[in-house]
C-alpha cells in the first residue's frame, strides 16, 4: 500500500462533529505553516477547505486552462506583490450532512504530508481550543488624506476631464473581541450572505483574509465563460420589494461604465458573440447593487483560452479602479495613501471539477493578532457627493461588522 492509499484509508471523520473537523484541519495546517483556503460558493451550502503541503507558488501570468487544481489569490496591483497559487494537495468538502475527502494527495513522499495526517488524527481527538491563523508581521500605514477630501479630489479630476470614474478606497482598523473565533464568524457569514462568495485565505506569505464578496470576476465552466458588471450601491430596505428599487442617474451611469468596460475588453480581442443580461437589482447582504451578466460559449466562438485572456484584460476592473483604467490607477496610486494589498484583488478555486470561479476580493478584512483591517471603496463620478460616498463605504464595512459585533 503506497503512502497515498495509506493516508486516505487511515483518516476517518466519522463520529466527529463537522465544525470540529473543519477547525481541526485548519489548525493543523496553520501549526505546520501550510497555506490553505476555505470557501463557500454563492447559493451553495457546501464549504470547501483546501491545503497545500508546500509553500504557495508565485504565478506571473495565471494560465487558467493548463494550471492544476488549486486556489488563486492575487493582489489589487500584481506589480506590487505576486499572485499566489495554493496547490490542492488535500481537499475536503463539508455539506454538514457528511464530509467528502477529495483524493488530491500526491503519491510522492512528503514529510509535511505525513506530519499533517499524524497531527490531524491527534487534533480531532482534542477538545475545542482557541483557533490560530497565519498573521503577517508587518506595520500597516494608514492614509494621509481624509476620505471625503480624497473623493472631492476625484470629482475635481473628473470635472477636469482626467477620467470618467475613479474608485478610491479607505481602510479601518478595529479591535477583535477576546472571544473572537474565526471559524464561528466564518460560518455566520455563510448563513448571513447566501448570495456571496464567503472565504478565508490563510498563509504565511499573506496572513489571513476573511471576506464575503458579491462580485464575480469571471467563471469558466467547461465551455461556458461568464463575467459580470456590478456597480451602484444603496442600503437594502427589507420592507420593500427589490422590484420597487429606484436608482439615481449617478448609480445607473456608474454601472453602465463597468458594462462598457467589459464590452471594450471583448472588442480588443474581436469577440462579438456574447449574451448580455441586465442590468437588474440584486441583493448583497445589507446592500443592493445593479448587475449585468455577460456569457460566451467558448466552443462556438472557438476561443478555449478566453478565461486566461479575459482575466488579464479585466483586472483591475473599472468597478474597483475606474475608467479609463490607467488614468484612474495613476490617481489612486498618487492620492489614496495606503497599500490595498489583497483588497480588490481576486481569489477563487481553479480547475475544481473542470470549473474555475474567480471573485473580486471585496467586503473583506485582514486579520492581525488582536485586530483587523477592513477595506471598502466607492465609485466616484461627476455626480458624486463626498459625504454620500463616505456613507457608502460605512455601509460596506457593515457587511463584516454586523457579524463581528454579534454576540453569538
Protein backbone atom coordinates (compact mmCIF):
# COMPACT_ATOMS: atom_id res chain seq x y z
CA UNK A 1 0.00 0.00 0.00
CA UNK A 2 1.56 3.34 -1.02
CA UNK A 3 1.62 6.48 1.12
CA UNK A 4 -1.38 7.99 -0.66
CA UNK A 5 -3.62 4.97 -0.08
CA UNK A 6 -2.40 4.61 3.49
CA UNK A 7 -3.12 8.25 4.34
CA UNK A 8 -6.61 8.15 2.89
CA UNK A 9 -7.68 4.81 4.30
CA UNK A 10 -6.44 5.64 7.81
CA UNK A 11 -8.22 9.01 8.03
CA UNK A 12 -11.84 8.67 9.15
CA UNK A 13 -14.02 11.69 10.01
CA UNK A 14 -16.98 9.56 11.09
CA UNK A 15 -18.18 10.42 14.57
CA UNK A 16 -16.57 13.86 14.67
CA UNK A 17 -18.78 16.96 14.65
CA UNK A 18 -18.36 18.72 11.30
CA UNK A 19 -17.39 22.15 12.67
CA UNK A 20 -14.80 20.46 14.90
CA UNK A 21 -13.39 18.63 11.85
CA UNK A 22 -13.18 21.89 9.90
CA UNK A 23 -11.43 23.62 12.82
CA UNK A 24 -9.03 20.71 13.33
CA UNK A 25 -7.86 20.63 9.70
CA UNK A 26 -7.46 24.43 9.72
CA UNK A 27 -5.47 24.35 12.98
CA UNK A 28 -3.06 21.63 11.89
CA UNK A 29 -2.37 23.40 8.58
CA UNK A 30 -1.53 26.62 10.44
CA UNK A 31 0.60 24.79 13.01
CA UNK A 32 2.69 23.34 10.17
CA UNK A 33 2.95 26.69 8.36
CA UNK A 34 0.92 25.44 5.37
CA UNK A 35 -1.19 27.64 3.08
CA UNK A 36 -4.93 26.95 2.98
CA UNK A 37 -8.18 28.32 1.62
CA UNK A 38 -11.77 27.88 2.81
CA UNK A 39 -14.70 28.89 0.63
CA UNK A 40 -18.41 28.56 0.06
CA UNK A 41 -19.78 29.45 -3.36
CA UNK A 42 -22.86 31.70 -3.77
CA UNK A 43 -26.19 29.90 -3.35
CA UNK A 44 -24.45 26.74 -2.11
CA UNK A 45 -24.30 25.10 1.32
CA UNK A 46 -21.11 23.11 0.81
CA UNK A 47 -17.97 24.51 2.48
CA UNK A 48 -14.61 23.57 0.91
CA UNK A 49 -11.20 23.51 2.56
CA UNK A 50 -8.03 23.12 0.52
CA UNK A 51 -4.47 22.67 1.88
CA UNK A 52 -1.13 22.61 0.10
CA UNK A 53 1.78 20.60 1.51
CA UNK A 54 4.25 23.12 0.09
CA UNK A 55 4.52 26.92 0.04
CA UNK A 56 2.16 28.90 -2.17
CA UNK A 57 3.53 29.23 -5.71
CA UNK A 58 4.19 32.66 -7.21
CA UNK A 59 2.44 32.99 -10.57
CA UNK A 60 3.48 35.70 -13.01
CA UNK A 61 0.68 35.16 -15.53
CA UNK A 62 -2.06 32.74 -14.46
CA UNK A 63 -2.99 30.24 -17.16
CA UNK A 64 -6.44 29.03 -16.20
CA UNK A 65 -6.62 26.39 -18.92
CA UNK A 66 -3.41 24.49 -18.16
CA UNK A 67 -2.82 25.00 -14.44
CA UNK A 68 -3.55 22.24 -11.96
CA UNK A 69 -6.34 22.22 -9.40
CA UNK A 70 -5.93 24.77 -6.63
CA UNK A 71 -6.88 28.20 -5.30
CA UNK A 72 -5.62 31.55 -6.62
CA UNK A 73 -5.08 34.73 -4.58
CA UNK A 74 -3.99 37.93 -6.29
CA UNK A 75 -3.37 41.49 -5.03
CA UNK A 76 -5.01 44.64 -6.37
CA UNK A 77 -1.74 45.60 -8.01
CA UNK A 78 0.02 42.48 -9.36
CA UNK A 79 3.14 44.62 -9.97
CA UNK A 80 3.50 45.37 -6.26
CA UNK A 81 3.33 41.80 -4.99
CA UNK A 82 2.95 38.34 -6.50
CA UNK A 83 -0.19 36.43 -7.40
CA UNK A 84 -0.15 33.26 -5.29
CA UNK A 85 -1.44 29.78 -6.05
CA UNK A 86 -2.34 27.19 -3.40
CA UNK A 87 -1.95 23.75 -4.97
CA UNK A 88 -4.69 21.32 -3.96
CA UNK A 89 -2.82 18.59 -2.12
CA UNK A 90 -5.69 17.95 0.30
CA UNK A 91 -9.30 18.98 -0.34
CA UNK A 92 -12.26 18.31 1.92
CA UNK A 93 -15.84 19.49 1.40
CA UNK A 94 -18.44 19.77 4.15
CA UNK A 95 -22.10 19.79 3.28
CA UNK A 96 -22.75 19.33 7.01
CA UNK A 97 -24.54 16.07 6.34
CA UNK A 98 -21.25 14.42 5.53
CA UNK A 99 -17.57 15.18 4.95
CA UNK A 100 -16.25 14.31 1.49
CA UNK A 101 -12.50 13.86 1.05
CA UNK A 102 -11.24 14.50 -2.47
CA UNK A 103 -8.26 12.31 -3.41
CA UNK A 104 -5.82 15.07 -4.38
CA UNK A 105 -2.88 13.64 -2.44
CA UNK A 106 0.41 13.16 -4.19
CA UNK A 107 1.91 9.68 -4.06
CA UNK A 108 5.39 11.22 -3.76
CA UNK A 109 6.96 11.13 -0.33
CA UNK A 110 6.34 14.36 1.53
CA UNK A 111 7.43 14.90 5.13
CA UNK A 112 4.84 17.62 5.72
CA UNK A 113 2.11 15.39 4.34
CA UNK A 114 2.99 12.65 6.83
CA UNK A 115 3.15 15.14 9.71
CA UNK A 116 -0.18 16.63 8.65
CA UNK A 117 -2.05 13.32 8.94
CA UNK A 118 -0.37 12.31 12.20
CA UNK A 119 -1.21 15.69 13.81
CA UNK A 120 -4.72 15.77 12.35
CA UNK A 121 -5.60 12.43 13.95
CA UNK A 122 -4.41 13.82 17.29
CA UNK A 123 -6.14 17.19 16.82
CA UNK A 124 -9.50 15.57 16.06
CA UNK A 125 -9.45 13.89 19.48
CA UNK A 126 -8.67 17.13 21.36
CA UNK A 127 -11.37 19.36 22.91
CA UNK A 128 -12.08 22.76 21.31
CA UNK A 129 -9.31 25.32 21.81
CA UNK A 130 -8.61 28.86 20.60
CA UNK A 131 -8.04 28.73 16.85
CA UNK A 132 -4.80 30.14 15.48
CA UNK A 133 -4.35 31.60 12.00
CA UNK A 134 -1.42 32.91 9.96
CA UNK A 135 -0.54 36.55 10.74
CA UNK A 136 1.78 38.51 8.50
CA UNK A 137 4.14 40.54 10.67
CA UNK A 138 4.07 43.99 9.15
CA UNK A 139 3.28 47.57 10.01
CA UNK A 140 0.26 48.99 8.24
CA UNK A 141 0.38 52.60 7.14
CA UNK A 142 -2.91 54.48 7.15
CA UNK A 143 -3.94 57.00 4.51
CA UNK A 144 -2.63 60.56 4.92
CA UNK A 145 -5.76 62.11 3.44
CA UNK A 146 -9.32 62.32 4.78
CA UNK A 147 -11.60 60.11 2.66
CA UNK A 148 -14.11 62.87 1.88
CA UNK A 149 -11.25 65.09 0.70
CA UNK A 150 -9.99 62.20 -1.46
CA UNK A 151 -13.44 61.81 -3.05
CA UNK A 152 -13.59 65.54 -3.72
CA UNK A 153 -10.18 65.36 -5.40
CA UNK A 154 -11.62 62.62 -7.60
CA UNK A 155 -14.69 64.69 -8.50
CA UNK A 156 -12.48 67.68 -9.36
CA UNK A 157 -10.26 65.49 -11.56
CA UNK A 158 -13.34 64.18 -13.42
CA UNK A 159 -14.58 67.74 -13.99
CA UNK A 160 -11.09 68.47 -15.30
CA UNK A 161 -11.57 65.63 -17.86
CA UNK A 162 -8.78 63.47 -16.39
CA UNK A 163 -11.03 60.38 -16.33
CA UNK A 164 -14.75 59.43 -16.23
CA UNK A 165 -14.77 57.46 -12.97
CA UNK A 166 -12.46 56.56 -10.11
CA UNK A 167 -12.92 54.18 -7.16
CA UNK A 168 -10.95 55.46 -4.15
CA UNK A 169 -10.78 53.16 -1.12
CA UNK A 170 -10.23 53.53 2.60
CA UNK A 171 -9.34 51.22 5.46
CA UNK A 172 -10.45 50.98 9.08
CA UNK A 173 -8.70 49.21 11.96
CA UNK A 174 -10.92 47.54 14.54
CA UNK A 175 -10.15 45.59 17.71
CA UNK A 176 -11.19 41.94 17.85
CA UNK A 177 -13.13 40.75 20.88
CA UNK A 178 -11.29 38.41 23.26
CA UNK A 179 -13.71 35.65 22.30
CA UNK A 180 -13.23 36.11 18.53
CA UNK A 181 -13.31 32.73 16.79
CA UNK A 182 -12.56 32.70 13.07
CA UNK A 183 -14.49 29.56 12.13
CA UNK A 184 -17.58 30.63 14.10
CA UNK A 185 -17.60 34.03 12.39
CA UNK A 186 -16.96 32.43 9.02
CA UNK A 187 -19.99 30.14 9.34
CA UNK A 188 -22.10 33.10 10.48
CA UNK A 189 -21.06 34.97 7.33
CA UNK A 190 -22.11 31.95 5.27
CA UNK A 191 -25.54 31.98 6.94
CA UNK A 192 -25.98 35.75 6.61
CA UNK A 193 -24.84 36.19 2.99
CA UNK A 194 -26.21 33.37 0.85
CA UNK A 195 -25.50 35.32 -2.39
CA UNK A 196 -21.82 35.92 -1.60
CA UNK A 197 -18.58 34.03 -2.12
CA UNK A 198 -17.50 33.62 1.52
CA UNK A 199 -13.84 32.80 2.07
CA UNK A 200 -10.83 32.55 4.34
CA UNK A 201 -7.36 32.59 2.83
CA UNK A 202 -4.57 31.94 5.33
CA UNK A 203 -0.89 31.55 4.56
CA UNK A 204 2.43 32.77 5.97
CA UNK A 205 3.04 34.93 2.87
CA UNK A 206 -0.20 36.94 3.12
CA UNK A 207 -1.52 36.50 6.65
CA UNK A 208 -5.23 35.71 6.94
CA UNK A 209 -8.07 37.32 4.98
CA UNK A 210 -11.79 36.87 5.63
CA UNK A 211 -14.43 38.08 3.21
CA UNK A 212 -17.93 37.82 1.73
CA UNK A 213 -17.79 39.25 -1.78
CA UNK A 214 -20.81 39.67 -4.09
CA UNK A 215 -18.74 40.23 -7.25
CA UNK A 216 -17.80 37.51 -9.71
CA UNK A 217 -14.79 38.48 -11.84
CA UNK A 218 -15.10 35.51 -14.19
CA UNK A 219 -16.21 31.91 -14.33
CA UNK A 220 -15.19 29.16 -16.75
CA UNK A 221 -17.45 26.11 -16.53
CA UNK A 222 -16.48 23.57 -19.20
CA UNK A 223 -17.06 25.60 -22.40
CA UNK A 224 -19.08 28.45 -20.85
CA UNK A 225 -17.45 31.77 -19.90
CA UNK A 226 -19.20 34.28 -17.65
CA UNK A 227 -18.39 37.70 -16.20
CA UNK A 228 -20.49 40.42 -14.55
CA UNK A 229 -20.67 44.19 -14.29
CA UNK A 230 -21.57 45.06 -10.69
CA UNK A 231 -21.84 48.68 -9.55
CA UNK A 232 -24.21 51.13 -7.91
CA UNK A 233 -24.90 50.72 -4.22
CA UNK A 234 -27.74 51.54 -1.86
CA UNK A 235 -28.91 50.32 1.51
CA UNK A 236 -31.43 47.48 1.36
CA UNK A 237 -34.87 48.14 2.83
CA UNK A 238 -36.20 44.69 3.78
CA UNK A 239 -39.75 46.10 3.93
CA UNK A 240 -39.59 46.91 0.20
CA UNK A 241 -39.63 44.53 -2.75
CA UNK A 242 -36.43 44.82 -4.80
CA UNK A 243 -38.61 45.32 -7.89
CA UNK A 244 -39.61 48.68 -6.39
CA UNK A 245 -35.99 49.85 -6.11
CA UNK A 246 -35.29 53.24 -7.68
CA UNK A 247 -31.79 54.12 -8.87
CA UNK A 248 -30.31 57.59 -9.34
CA UNK A 249 -28.75 58.76 -12.60
CA UNK A 250 -25.32 58.65 -10.90
CA UNK A 251 -25.72 54.95 -9.98
CA UNK A 252 -27.10 53.99 -13.41
CA UNK A 253 -24.21 55.72 -15.17
CA UNK A 254 -21.66 54.18 -12.79
CA UNK A 255 -22.94 50.68 -13.60
CA UNK A 256 -23.10 51.44 -17.34
CA UNK A 257 -19.41 52.39 -17.28
CA UNK A 258 -18.50 48.96 -15.87
CA UNK A 259 -20.60 47.22 -18.55
CA UNK A 260 -18.95 49.35 -21.22
CA UNK A 261 -15.54 48.38 -19.87
CA UNK A 262 -16.31 44.66 -20.28
CA UNK A 263 -17.64 45.19 -23.81
CA UNK A 264 -14.46 47.13 -24.67
CA UNK A 265 -12.41 44.14 -23.44
CA UNK A 266 -14.40 41.90 -25.81
CA UNK A 267 -13.76 44.35 -28.65
CA UNK A 268 -10.00 44.28 -28.02
CA UNK A 269 -9.97 40.54 -28.76
CA UNK A 270 -12.54 40.87 -31.58
CA UNK A 271 -15.16 38.86 -29.69
CA UNK A 272 -18.62 39.83 -30.92
CA UNK A 273 -20.71 36.79 -29.95
CA UNK A 274 -21.77 37.23 -26.34
CA UNK A 275 -25.03 37.26 -24.43
CA UNK A 276 -25.83 40.25 -22.22
CA UNK A 277 -28.45 40.08 -19.44
CA UNK A 278 -29.42 43.05 -17.31
CA UNK A 279 -28.94 45.36 -15.60
CA UNK A 280 -31.06 44.12 -12.72
CA UNK A 281 -31.14 44.83 -8.99
CA UNK A 282 -29.53 42.17 -6.79
CA UNK A 283 -29.25 41.67 -3.04
CA UNK A 284 -25.80 41.60 -1.41
CA UNK A 285 -26.43 41.22 2.32
CA UNK A 286 -27.42 44.61 3.71
CA UNK A 287 -26.93 46.29 0.32
CA UNK A 288 -28.41 46.40 -3.19
CA UNK A 289 -26.39 46.64 -6.42
CA UNK A 290 -27.03 46.82 -10.16
CA UNK A 291 -25.73 43.80 -12.07
CA UNK A 292 -25.34 42.86 -15.75
CA UNK A 293 -24.21 39.36 -16.77
CA UNK A 294 -22.16 38.53 -19.88
CA UNK A 295 -21.87 34.95 -21.18
CA UNK A 296 -19.83 33.43 -24.02
CA UNK A 297 -19.86 29.89 -25.44
CA UNK A 298 -16.14 29.25 -25.90
CA UNK A 299 -16.72 26.23 -28.13
CA UNK A 300 -18.99 28.09 -30.56
CA UNK A 301 -16.61 31.08 -30.66
CA UNK A 302 -13.55 28.80 -30.92
CA UNK A 303 -11.88 30.63 -28.02
CA UNK A 304 -10.80 27.95 -25.48
CA UNK A 305 -8.29 30.28 -23.78
CA UNK A 306 -10.87 33.06 -23.19
CA UNK A 307 -10.70 32.74 -19.38
CA UNK A 308 -6.96 33.47 -19.22
CA UNK A 309 -7.15 36.27 -21.81
CA UNK A 310 -10.07 38.00 -20.08
CA UNK A 311 -8.52 37.68 -16.61
CA UNK A 312 -5.54 39.67 -17.84
CA UNK A 313 -7.73 42.25 -19.57
CA UNK A 314 -10.33 42.65 -16.82
CA UNK A 315 -8.25 43.01 -13.66
CA UNK A 316 -8.36 45.54 -12.13
CA UNK A 317 -11.85 46.30 -13.45
CA UNK A 318 -13.45 49.73 -13.67
CA UNK A 319 -15.65 48.66 -10.72
CA UNK A 320 -12.61 48.74 -8.40
CA UNK A 321 -10.27 51.16 -10.19
CA UNK A 322 -12.11 53.46 -12.59
CA UNK A 323 -12.29 54.37 -16.25
CA UNK A 324 -10.17 54.89 -18.28
CA UNK A 325 -8.16 52.37 -16.27
CA UNK A 326 -4.63 53.80 -16.47
CA UNK A 327 -5.64 57.36 -15.58
CA UNK A 328 -7.76 56.11 -12.65
CA UNK A 329 -4.94 53.84 -11.40
CA UNK A 330 -2.49 56.75 -11.55
CA UNK A 331 -4.87 58.84 -9.42
CA UNK A 332 -5.26 56.01 -6.87
CA UNK A 333 -1.50 55.47 -6.66
CA UNK A 334 -0.84 59.18 -6.27
CA UNK A 335 -3.58 60.12 -3.78
CA UNK A 336 -5.03 57.10 -1.93
CA UNK A 337 -2.13 56.93 0.50
CA UNK A 338 -2.16 53.28 1.64
CA UNK A 339 -1.45 49.80 0.31
CA UNK A 340 -4.62 47.95 -0.71
CA UNK A 341 -2.68 44.68 -0.61
CA UNK A 342 -5.17 41.89 -1.46
CA UNK A 343 -8.26 44.07 -1.07
CA UNK A 344 -9.90 44.41 -4.52
CA UNK A 345 -7.56 41.77 -5.91
CA UNK A 346 -9.09 38.45 -6.93
CA UNK A 347 -9.43 34.95 -5.49
CA UNK A 348 -11.12 31.62 -6.06
CA UNK A 349 -10.88 27.90 -6.88
CA UNK A 350 -9.28 26.92 -10.19
CA UNK A 351 -9.91 23.70 -12.16
CA UNK A 352 -12.21 22.30 -9.47
CA UNK A 353 -14.22 19.64 -11.35
CA UNK A 354 -13.43 21.47 -14.63
CA UNK A 355 -14.78 24.73 -13.20
CA UNK A 356 -12.90 27.92 -12.34
CA UNK A 357 -14.66 30.63 -10.33
CA UNK A 358 -12.75 33.83 -9.58
CA UNK A 359 -14.18 36.66 -7.49
CA UNK A 360 -13.13 40.23 -6.72
CA UNK A 361 -11.91 40.41 -3.11
CA UNK A 362 -14.44 42.91 -1.73
CA UNK A 363 -16.17 43.17 1.69
CA UNK A 364 -13.03 41.74 3.21
CA UNK A 365 -10.62 42.25 6.08
CA UNK A 366 -7.09 41.28 7.01
CA UNK A 367 -6.78 39.63 10.43
CA UNK A 368 -3.94 40.65 12.73
CA UNK A 369 -3.16 39.29 16.21
CA UNK A 370 -5.84 41.19 18.16
CA UNK A 371 -7.23 43.48 15.48
CA UNK A 372 -8.38 43.54 11.87
CA UNK A 373 -8.12 45.94 8.94
CA UNK A 374 -11.35 46.42 6.98
CA UNK A 375 -11.34 47.79 3.43
CA UNK A 376 -14.03 49.47 1.32
CA UNK A 377 -14.29 51.77 -1.69
CA UNK A 378 -16.92 53.75 -3.58
CA UNK A 379 -17.35 54.61 -7.25
CA UNK A 380 -16.91 58.33 -7.86
CA UNK A 381 -18.41 60.03 -10.93
CA UNK A 382 -19.10 63.65 -11.83
CA UNK A 383 -22.44 63.43 -9.94
CA UNK A 384 -20.89 62.14 -6.69
CA UNK A 385 -21.23 63.84 -3.32
CA UNK A 386 -18.31 63.24 -0.93
CA UNK A 387 -20.50 62.71 2.14
CA UNK A 388 -22.63 60.10 0.36
CA UNK A 389 -19.57 58.17 -0.88
CA UNK A 390 -18.21 58.12 2.68
CA UNK A 391 -21.58 56.74 3.90
CA UNK A 392 -21.41 54.06 1.18
CA UNK A 393 -18.05 52.81 2.49
CA UNK A 394 -19.50 52.71 6.02
CA UNK A 395 -22.38 50.55 4.74
CA UNK A 396 -19.88 48.22 3.07
CA UNK A 397 -17.85 47.93 6.30
CA UNK A 398 -21.05 46.80 7.99
CA UNK A 399 -21.16 43.62 5.88
CA UNK A 400 -18.44 42.26 8.18
CA UNK A 401 -19.01 44.45 11.25
CA UNK A 402 -22.59 43.21 11.65
CA UNK A 403 -21.20 39.68 12.06
CA UNK A 404 -18.13 40.60 14.09
CA UNK A 405 -20.21 42.59 16.57
CA UNK A 406 -22.85 39.89 17.02
CA UNK A 407 -22.67 38.21 20.43
CA UNK A 408 -23.19 34.61 19.30
